[in-house]
Amino acid sequence: MLAERQGERLPGWLDAVRQDDLPSLPTLAAGIDRGRDAVIAGLTLHGSPGTVEGHANRIKMPKRRMFGRAGFSLLRKRVLLAS
């Protein structure tokens, strides 16, 4: 379903999960059901949030590295020099 982008198979998979005896799987199915349209779109459409995630990571990483060790002025210089 994931590799072949077959999101239309999700409802059948969820039904099979609900009928299984494992205790945590119905909870997983209920969580997926709450965002069913988004999950099906993610399994079907060809798109990636990679570019946006890369930019967010580029901005947040220096902040995480310097948290508690340096002031805002040093953080500002590092961000400006990195861009």
C-alpha atoms as a PDB file:
ATOM      1  CA  MET A   1       0.000   0.000   0.000  1.00  0.00           C
ATOM      2  CA  LEU A   2       2.827   2.436   0.833  1.00  0.00           C
ATOM      3  CA  ALA A   3       5.325   1.599  -1.901  1.00  0.00           C
ATOM      4  CA  GLU A   4       2.733   1.318  -4.651  1.00  0.00           C
ATOM      5  CA  ARG A   5       0.710   4.377  -3.559  1.00  0.00           C
ATOM      6  CA  GLN A   6      -2.557   2.479  -3.168  1.00  0.00           C
ATOM      7  CA  GLY A   7      -4.400   4.606  -0.631  1.00  0.00           C
ATOM      8  CA  GLU A   8      -7.751   3.245  -1.779  1.00  0.00           C
ATOM      9  CA  ARG A   9      -6.879  -0.018   0.016  1.00  0.00           C
ATOM     10  CA  LEU A  10      -6.779   1.714   3.408  1.00  0.00           C
ATOM     11  CA  PRO A  11     -10.454   1.148   4.424  1.00  0.00           C
ATOM     12  CA  GLY A  12     -10.111  -2.611   3.873  1.00  0.00           C
ATOM     13  CA  TRP A  13      -6.869  -2.680   5.830  1.00  0.00           C
ATOM     14  CA  LEU A  14      -8.493  -0.781   8.706  1.00  0.00           C
ATOM     15  CA  ASP A  15     -11.367  -3.277   8.798  1.00  0.00           C
ATOM     16  CA  ALA A  16      -8.896  -6.167   8.954  1.00  0.00           C
ATOM     17  CA  VAL A  17      -6.989  -4.446  11.767  1.00  0.00           C
ATOM     18  CA  ARG A  18     -10.164  -3.972  13.803  1.00  0.00           C
ATOM     19  CA  GLN A  19     -10.948  -7.695  13.533  1.00  0.00           C
ATOM     20  CA  ASP A  20      -7.495  -8.718  14.766  1.00  0.00           C
ATOM     21  CA  ASP A  21      -6.944  -9.814  18.381  1.00  0.00           C
ATOM     22  CA  LEU A  22      -3.940  -7.600  19.128  1.00  0.00           C
ATOM     23  CA  PRO A  23      -4.931  -5.032  21.785  1.00  0.00           C
ATOM     24  CA  SER A  24      -3.193  -1.917  20.436  1.00  0.00           C
ATOM     25  CA  LEU A  25      -4.216  -2.205  16.781  1.00  0.00           C
ATOM     26  CA  PRO A  26      -7.823  -0.979  17.179  1.00  0.00           C
ATOM     27  CA  THR A  27      -6.452   2.159  18.843  1.00  0.00           C
ATOM     28  CA  LEU A  28      -4.137   2.681  15.855  1.00  0.00           C
ATOM     29  CA  ALA A  29      -7.054   2.193  13.470  1.00  0.00           C
ATOM     30  CA  ALA A  30      -9.159   4.718  15.393  1.00  0.00           C
ATOM     31  CA  GLY A  31      -6.352   7.284  15.179  1.00  0.00           C
ATOM     32  CA  ILE A  32      -5.966   6.753  11.443  1.00  0.00           C
ATOM     33  CA  ASP A  33      -9.745   7.020  11.031  1.00  0.00           C
ATOM     34  CA  ARG A  34      -9.754  10.511  12.557  1.00  0.00           C
ATOM     35  CA  GLY A  35      -7.561  11.748   9.711  1.00  0.00           C
ATOM     36  CA  ARG A  36      -8.654   9.255   7.059  1.00  0.00           C
ATOM     37  CA  ASP A  37      -8.805  11.728   4.155  1.00  0.00           C
ATOM     38  CA  ALA A  38      -5.326  13.069   4.904  1.00  0.00           C
ATOM     39  CA  VAL A  39      -3.884   9.564   5.287  1.00  0.00           C
ATOM     40  CA  ILE A  40      -5.408   8.409   1.993  1.00  0.00           C
ATOM     41  CA  ALA A  41      -4.063  11.530   0.272  1.00  0.00           C
ATOM     42  CA  GLY A  42      -0.623  10.874   1.740  1.00  0.00           C
ATOM     43  CA  LEU A  43      -0.707   7.288   0.509  1.00  0.00           C
ATOM     44  CA  THR A  44      -1.972   8.238  -2.960  1.00  0.00           C
ATOM     45  CA  LEU A  45      -0.572  11.604  -4.054  1.00  0.00           C
ATOM     46  CA  HIS A  46       2.957  12.201  -5.275  1.00  0.00           C
ATOM     47  CA  GLY A  47       4.305  14.979  -3.102  1.00  0.00           C
ATOM     48  CA  SER A  48       6.806  15.544  -0.375  1.00  0.00           C
ATOM     49  CA  PRO A  49       7.120  18.109   2.417  1.00  0.00           C
ATOM     50  CA  GLY A  50      10.900  17.624   2.301  1.00  0.00           C
ATOM     51  CA  THR A  51      11.759  21.139   1.132  1.00  0.00           C
ATOM     52  CA  VAL A  52       9.698  22.823   3.828  1.00  0.00           C
ATOM     53  CA  GLU A  53      11.051  20.474   6.500  1.00  0.00           C
ATOM     54  CA  GLY A  54      14.595  21.184   5.345  1.00  0.00           C
ATOM     55  CA  HIS A  55      14.123  24.933   5.724  1.00  0.00           C
ATOM     56  CA  ALA A  56      12.561  24.545   9.174  1.00  0.00           C
ATOM     57  CA  ASN A  57      15.433  22.295  10.253  1.00  0.00           C
ATOM     58  CA  ARG A  58      18.021  24.752   8.899  1.00  0.00           C
ATOM     59  CA  ILE A  59      16.482  27.537  10.974  1.00  0.00           C
ATOM     60  CA  LYS A  60      15.949  25.560  14.193  1.00  0.00           C
ATOM     61  CA  MET A  61      19.194  23.602  14.358  1.00  0.00           C
ATOM     62  CA  PRO A  62      21.482  26.513  15.392  1.00  0.00           C
ATOM     63  CA  LYS A  63      18.941  27.542  18.006  1.00  0.00           C
ATOM     64  CA  ARG A  64      18.905  24.031  19.467  1.00  0.00           C
ATOM     65  CA  ARG A  65      22.696  23.815  19.481  1.00  0.00           C
ATOM     66  CA  MET A  66      23.117  27.091  21.318  1.00  0.00           C
ATOM     67  CA  PHE A  67      20.188  26.892  23.744  1.00  0.00           C
ATOM     68  CA  GLY A  68      21.340  27.962  27.173  1.00  0.00           C
ATOM     69  CA  ARG A  69      24.945  28.598  26.070  1.00  0.00           C
ATOM     70  CA  ALA A  70      24.904  31.928  24.290  1.00  0.00           C
ATOM     71  CA  GLY A  71      22.870  35.073  24.039  1.00  0.00           C
ATOM     72  CA  PHE A  72      20.595  36.244  21.285  1.00  0.00           C
ATOM     73  CA  SER A  73      23.303  38.364  19.638  1.00  0.00           C
ATOM     74  CA  LEU A  74      25.540  35.344  18.957  1.00  0.00           C
ATOM     75  CA  LEU A  75      22.587  33.320  17.697  1.00  0.00           C
ATOM     76  CA  ARG A  76      21.632  36.176  15.368  1.00  0.00           C
ATOM     77  CA  LYS A  77      25.174  36.365  13.966  1.00  0.00           C
ATOM     78  CA  ARG A  78      25.286  32.621  13.321  1.00  0.00           C
ATOM     79  CA  VAL A  79      21.929  32.654  11.526  1.00  0.00           C
ATOM     80  CA  LEU A  80      22.920  35.645   9.374  1.00  0.00           C
ATOM     81  CA  LEU A  81      26.299  34.143   8.483  1.00  0.00           C
ATOM     82  CA  ALA A  82      24.717  30.800   7.567  1.00  0.00           C
ATOM     83  CA  SER A  83      22.397  32.380   4.992  1.00  0.00           C
END
